[in-house]
Amino acid sequence: MESTTHRQTSMSGEKRQFCSFHIADHLFGVNILDVREIKDEVSLTIVHHAPKEVRGFVNIRGHVYLILDLRLLLGFGSRNVDAMSRVILFKEKVGESFGILVDRIGDMIEVDEKLIEDRPPDENTSLADAVQKKSDLSMGICKLENDLLIILNVGKLLDAF
């Protein structure tokens, strides 16, 4: 993960940290406490006859993880894996042995919990509505200085397809 940290502060409130990543030039984040590791080597084994959202399996140190294509789960078109693509693997408490494929990894973002909104701002309603319709994948939205962070509910990813 990159070392730069975004901080969003207000007068008081608890801070929450998110692992951020980009899908189709939009900024998404997941609770950093749910992330096991981020892999830059993306070597997937295809699963024939699996739903299109299942990108394949990856073997990490003898442990096999199911990898979901987050682009397809969120309603964006598929794209080829490239040098910027990353796999985010999640801890067992979230779901057994799975991860997601993202376009590129972002920074660790720390925000004040009070700045996280349940409803998206009007200018990005269509994207947030699309995420919300996908099995309640969105947990909230946070307006940053130069971007909008859409926070995903990692626990719902396996149920989304």
C-alpha atoms as a PDB file:
ATOM      1  CA  MET A   1       0.000   0.000   0.000  1.00  0.00           C
ATOM      2  CA  GLU A   2       1.246   3.508  -0.698  1.00  0.00           C
ATOM      3  CA  SER A   3       2.602   5.433   2.251  1.00  0.00           C
ATOM      4  CA  THR A   4       0.633   8.648   1.723  1.00  0.00           C
ATOM      5  CA  THR A   5      -2.229   9.095   4.167  1.00  0.00           C
ATOM      6  CA  HIS A   6      -5.307  11.259   3.630  1.00  0.00           C
ATOM      7  CA  ARG A   7      -6.737  12.763   6.796  1.00  0.00           C
ATOM      8  CA  GLN A   8     -10.172  14.243   7.088  1.00  0.00           C
ATOM      9  CA  THR A   9     -10.894  15.823  10.450  1.00  0.00           C
ATOM     10  CA  SER A  10     -13.639  17.595  12.319  1.00  0.00           C
ATOM     11  CA  MET A  11     -13.931  18.949  15.849  1.00  0.00           C
ATOM     12  CA  SER A  12     -14.427  15.566  17.517  1.00  0.00           C
ATOM     13  CA  GLY A  13     -15.382  11.976  16.866  1.00  0.00           C
ATOM     14  CA  GLU A  14     -13.792   8.613  16.360  1.00  0.00           C
ATOM     15  CA  LYS A  15     -11.458   8.071  13.437  1.00  0.00           C
ATOM     16  CA  ARG A  16     -11.960   5.216  10.990  1.00  0.00           C
ATOM     17  CA  GLN A  17      -9.321   3.932   8.614  1.00  0.00           C
ATOM     18  CA  PHE A  18      -9.999   2.589   5.144  1.00  0.00           C
ATOM     19  CA  CYS A  19      -7.914   0.797   2.551  1.00  0.00           C
ATOM     20  CA  SER A  20      -8.758   2.702  -0.619  1.00  0.00           C
ATOM     21  CA  PHE A  21      -8.662   1.596  -4.242  1.00  0.00           C
ATOM     22  CA  HIS A  22      -9.882   2.696  -7.624  1.00  0.00           C
ATOM     23  CA  ILE A  23     -12.428   1.087  -9.911  1.00  0.00           C
ATOM     24  CA  ALA A  24     -13.165   2.883 -13.191  1.00  0.00           C
ATOM     25  CA  ASP A  25     -11.707   6.158 -11.844  1.00  0.00           C
ATOM     26  CA  HIS A  26     -13.938   6.101  -8.742  1.00  0.00           C
ATOM     27  CA  LEU A  27     -12.530   5.901  -5.219  1.00  0.00           C
ATOM     28  CA  PHE A  28     -13.736   3.063  -2.991  1.00  0.00           C
ATOM     29  CA  GLY A  29     -12.679   1.941   0.438  1.00  0.00           C
ATOM     30  CA  VAL A  30     -13.013  -0.972   2.832  1.00  0.00           C
ATOM     31  CA  ASN A  31     -12.398  -1.081   6.558  1.00  0.00           C
ATOM     32  CA  ILE A  32      -8.651  -1.558   6.971  1.00  0.00           C
ATOM     33  CA  LEU A  33      -9.299  -4.005   9.831  1.00  0.00           C
ATOM     34  CA  ASP A  34     -10.939  -6.400   7.327  1.00  0.00           C
ATOM     35  CA  VAL A  35      -7.895  -6.503   5.015  1.00  0.00           C
ATOM     36  CA  ARG A  36      -5.452  -9.379   5.359  1.00  0.00           C
ATOM     37  CA  GLU A  37      -3.024  -8.312   2.634  1.00  0.00           C
ATOM     38  CA  ILE A  38      -2.689  -6.721  -0.778  1.00  0.00           C
ATOM     39  CA  LYS A  39      -0.998  -8.656  -3.566  1.00  0.00           C
ATOM     40  CA  ASP A  40       0.573  -7.023  -6.579  1.00  0.00           C
ATOM     41  CA  GLU A  41       1.262 -10.290  -8.379  1.00  0.00           C
ATOM     42  CA  VAL A  42      -2.033 -11.236  -9.983  1.00  0.00           C
ATOM     43  CA  SER A  43      -1.822 -14.788 -11.324  1.00  0.00           C
ATOM     44  CA  LEU A  44      -5.320 -16.230 -11.431  1.00  0.00           C
ATOM     45  CA  THR A  45      -6.569 -19.712 -12.234  1.00  0.00           C
ATOM     46  CA  ILE A  46      -9.809 -19.474 -14.202  1.00  0.00           C
ATOM     47  CA  VAL A  47     -12.879 -21.292 -12.869  1.00  0.00           C
ATOM     48  CA  HIS A  48     -14.878 -22.628 -15.815  1.00  0.00           C
ATOM     49  CA  HIS A  49     -18.692 -22.358 -15.606  1.00  0.00           C
ATOM     50  CA  ALA A  50     -18.467 -19.967 -12.629  1.00  0.00           C
ATOM     51  CA  PRO A  51     -20.512 -16.742 -12.546  1.00  0.00           C
ATOM     52  CA  LYS A  52     -18.869 -13.941 -14.523  1.00  0.00           C
ATOM     53  CA  GLU A  53     -18.129 -12.053 -11.275  1.00  0.00           C
ATOM     54  CA  VAL A  54     -15.792 -14.858 -10.170  1.00  0.00           C
ATOM     55  CA  ARG A  55     -12.454 -13.939 -11.678  1.00  0.00           C
ATOM     56  CA  GLY A  56     -10.746 -17.142 -10.519  1.00  0.00           C
ATOM     57  CA  PHE A  57      -8.593 -18.592  -7.772  1.00  0.00           C
ATOM     58  CA  VAL A  58      -5.191 -17.484  -6.549  1.00  0.00           C
ATOM     59  CA  ASN A  59      -2.763 -19.598  -4.533  1.00  0.00           C
ATOM     60  CA  ILE A  60      -0.916 -17.584  -1.878  1.00  0.00           C
ATOM     61  CA  ARG A  61       1.634 -19.592   0.088  1.00  0.00           C
ATOM     62  CA  GLY A  62      -0.387 -22.779  -0.293  1.00  0.00           C
ATOM     63  CA  HIS A  63      -3.724 -21.189   0.611  1.00  0.00           C
ATOM     64  CA  VAL A  64      -6.332 -20.876  -2.160  1.00  0.00           C
ATOM     65  CA  TYR A  65      -8.519 -17.741  -2.328  1.00  0.00           C
ATOM     66  CA  LEU A  66     -11.583 -17.086  -4.465  1.00  0.00           C
ATOM     67  CA  ILE A  67     -11.118 -13.764  -6.304  1.00  0.00           C
ATOM     68  CA  LEU A  68     -14.136 -11.653  -7.260  1.00  0.00           C
ATOM     69  CA  ASP A  69     -14.061  -9.062 -10.045  1.00  0.00           C
ATOM     70  CA  LEU A  70     -15.251  -5.945  -8.229  1.00  0.00           C
ATOM     71  CA  ARG A  71     -15.722  -4.087 -11.514  1.00  0.00           C
ATOM     72  CA  LEU A  72     -18.434  -6.551 -12.517  1.00  0.00           C
ATOM     73  CA  LEU A  73     -19.998  -6.646  -9.033  1.00  0.00           C
ATOM     74  CA  LEU A  74     -20.397  -2.867  -9.184  1.00  0.00           C
ATOM     75  CA  GLY A  75     -21.822  -2.866 -12.706  1.00  0.00           C
ATOM     76  CA  PHE A  76     -18.765  -1.635 -14.600  1.00  0.00           C
ATOM     77  CA  GLY A  77     -17.425  -3.440 -17.667  1.00  0.00           C
ATOM     78  CA  SER A  78     -14.693  -6.025 -17.368  1.00  0.00           C
ATOM     79  CA  ARG A  79     -11.092  -5.127 -18.081  1.00  0.00           C
ATOM     80  CA  ASN A  80      -7.830  -6.981 -18.424  1.00  0.00           C
ATOM     81  CA  VAL A  81      -5.420  -7.312 -15.532  1.00  0.00           C
ATOM     82  CA  ASP A  82      -2.499  -4.889 -15.945  1.00  0.00           C
ATOM     83  CA  ALA A  83       0.557  -3.712 -13.990  1.00  0.00           C
ATOM     84  CA  MET A  84      -1.601  -1.513 -11.714  1.00  0.00           C
ATOM     85  CA  SER A  85      -4.155  -4.251 -10.871  1.00  0.00           C
ATOM     86  CA  ARG A  86      -4.111  -5.567  -7.323  1.00  0.00           C
ATOM     87  CA  VAL A  87      -5.806  -8.295  -5.329  1.00  0.00           C
ATOM     88  CA  ILE A  88      -7.066  -7.397  -1.862  1.00  0.00           C
ATOM     89  CA  LEU A  89      -7.403 -10.451   0.386  1.00  0.00           C
ATOM     90  CA  PHE A  90      -9.723 -10.341   3.375  1.00  0.00           C
ATOM     91  CA  LYS A  91      -9.490 -11.819   6.848  1.00  0.00           C
ATOM     92  CA  GLU A  92     -11.407 -14.985   7.708  1.00  0.00           C
ATOM     93  CA  LYS A  93     -13.869 -13.051   9.933  1.00  0.00           C
ATOM     94  CA  VAL A  94     -15.241 -11.334   6.815  1.00  0.00           C
ATOM     95  CA  GLY A  95     -15.670 -14.455   4.705  1.00  0.00           C
ATOM     96  CA  GLU A  96     -13.727 -17.603   4.150  1.00  0.00           C
ATOM     97  CA  SER A  97     -10.753 -17.313   1.780  1.00  0.00           C
ATOM     98  CA  PHE A  98     -11.721 -14.611  -0.689  1.00  0.00           C
ATOM     99  CA  GLY A  99     -10.503 -11.378  -2.153  1.00  0.00           C
ATOM    100  CA  ILE A 100     -11.291  -8.801  -4.818  1.00  0.00           C
ATOM    101  CA  LEU A 101      -9.548  -7.643  -7.959  1.00  0.00           C
ATOM    102  CA  VAL A 102      -9.243  -3.841  -8.193  1.00  0.00           C
ATOM    103  CA  ASP A 103      -7.913  -1.515 -10.900  1.00  0.00           C
ATOM    104  CA  ARG A 104      -5.319   0.069  -8.645  1.00  0.00           C
ATOM    105  CA  ILE A 105      -4.671   0.484  -4.960  1.00  0.00           C
ATOM    106  CA  GLY A 106      -4.955   3.857  -3.238  1.00  0.00           C
ATOM    107  CA  ASP A 107      -3.854   5.176   0.128  1.00  0.00           C
ATOM    108  CA  MET A 108      -4.855   4.401   3.665  1.00  0.00           C
ATOM    109  CA  ILE A 109      -7.507   7.026   4.365  1.00  0.00           C
ATOM    110  CA  GLU A 110      -8.427   8.109   7.880  1.00  0.00           C
ATOM    111  CA  VAL A 111     -11.682   9.999   8.367  1.00  0.00           C
ATOM    112  CA  ASP A 112     -13.773  11.199  11.263  1.00  0.00           C
ATOM    113  CA  GLU A 113     -16.733   8.843  11.643  1.00  0.00           C
ATOM    114  CA  LYS A 114     -19.104  11.831  11.812  1.00  0.00           C
ATOM    115  CA  LEU A 115     -18.192  12.761   8.217  1.00  0.00           C
ATOM    116  CA  ILE A 116     -19.459   9.462   6.815  1.00  0.00           C
ATOM    117  CA  GLU A 117     -22.899   9.922   5.293  1.00  0.00           C
ATOM    118  CA  ASP A 118     -25.479   7.247   4.608  1.00  0.00           C
ATOM    119  CA  ARG A 119     -26.760   9.002   1.499  1.00  0.00           C
ATOM    120  CA  PRO A 120     -24.618  10.154  -1.409  1.00  0.00           C
ATOM    121  CA  PRO A 121     -24.312  13.789  -2.418  1.00  0.00           C
ATOM    122  CA  ASP A 122     -26.571  14.716  -5.358  1.00  0.00           C
ATOM    123  CA  GLU A 123     -23.769  15.073  -7.912  1.00  0.00           C
ATOM    124  CA  ASN A 124     -22.798  11.379  -7.613  1.00  0.00           C
ATOM    125  CA  THR A 125     -26.195   9.845  -6.999  1.00  0.00           C
ATOM    126  CA  SER A 126     -26.148   7.566 -10.042  1.00  0.00           C
ATOM    127  CA  LEU A 127     -22.894   5.823  -9.077  1.00  0.00           C
ATOM    128  CA  ALA A 128     -23.805   5.473  -5.417  1.00  0.00           C
ATOM    129  CA  ASP A 129     -27.312   4.266  -6.315  1.00  0.00           C
ATOM    130  CA  ALA A 130     -25.792   1.606  -8.571  1.00  0.00           C
ATOM    131  CA  VAL A 131     -23.561   0.449  -5.721  1.00  0.00           C
ATOM    132  CA  GLN A 132     -26.484   0.515  -3.276  1.00  0.00           C
ATOM    133  CA  LYS A 133     -28.652  -1.635  -5.573  1.00  0.00           C
ATOM    134  CA  LYS A 134     -25.979  -4.329  -5.639  1.00  0.00           C
ATOM    135  CA  SER A 135     -27.047  -6.117  -2.441  1.00  0.00           C
ATOM    136  CA  ASP A 136     -26.409  -3.118  -0.194  1.00  0.00           C
ATOM    137  CA  LEU A 137     -22.676  -3.114  -0.908  1.00  0.00           C
ATOM    138  CA  SER A 138     -22.310   0.511   0.138  1.00  0.00           C
ATOM    139  CA  MET A 139     -21.962   1.331   3.842  1.00  0.00           C
ATOM    140  CA  GLY A 140     -21.593   5.056   3.317  1.00  0.00           C
ATOM    141  CA  ILE A 141     -20.022   7.962   1.498  1.00  0.00           C
ATOM    142  CA  CYS A 142     -17.404  10.416   2.722  1.00  0.00           C
ATOM    143  CA  LYS A 143     -16.530  13.638   0.958  1.00  0.00           C
ATOM    144  CA  LEU A 144     -12.758  14.184   0.988  1.00  0.00           C
ATOM    145  CA  GLU A 145     -10.883  17.323  -0.017  1.00  0.00           C
ATOM    146  CA  ASN A 146     -10.525  16.314  -3.662  1.00  0.00           C
ATOM    147  CA  ASP A 147     -12.588  13.156  -4.012  1.00  0.00           C
ATOM    148  CA  LEU A 148     -15.566  11.148  -2.862  1.00  0.00           C
ATOM    149  CA  LEU A 149     -14.914   7.914  -0.953  1.00  0.00           C
ATOM    150  CA  ILE A 150     -17.541   5.194  -1.337  1.00  0.00           C
ATOM    151  CA  ILE A 151     -17.219   2.791   1.584  1.00  0.00           C
ATOM    152  CA  LEU A 152     -18.072  -0.819   0.777  1.00  0.00           C
ATOM    153  CA  ASN A 153     -19.517  -3.468   3.065  1.00  0.00           C
ATOM    154  CA  VAL A 154     -17.016  -6.299   2.555  1.00  0.00           C
ATOM    155  CA  GLY A 155     -19.254  -8.805   4.312  1.00  0.00           C
ATOM    156  CA  LYS A 156     -21.860  -8.458   1.548  1.00  0.00           C
ATOM    157  CA  LEU A 157     -19.496  -9.049  -1.400  1.00  0.00           C
ATOM    158  CA  LEU A 158     -19.903 -12.839  -1.462  1.00  0.00           C
ATOM    159  CA  ASP A 159     -23.705 -12.439  -1.503  1.00  0.00           C
ATOM    160  CA  ALA A 160     -23.700  -9.920  -4.363  1.00  0.00           C
ATOM    161  CA  PHE A 161     -23.772 -12.356  -7.282  1.00  0.00           C
END
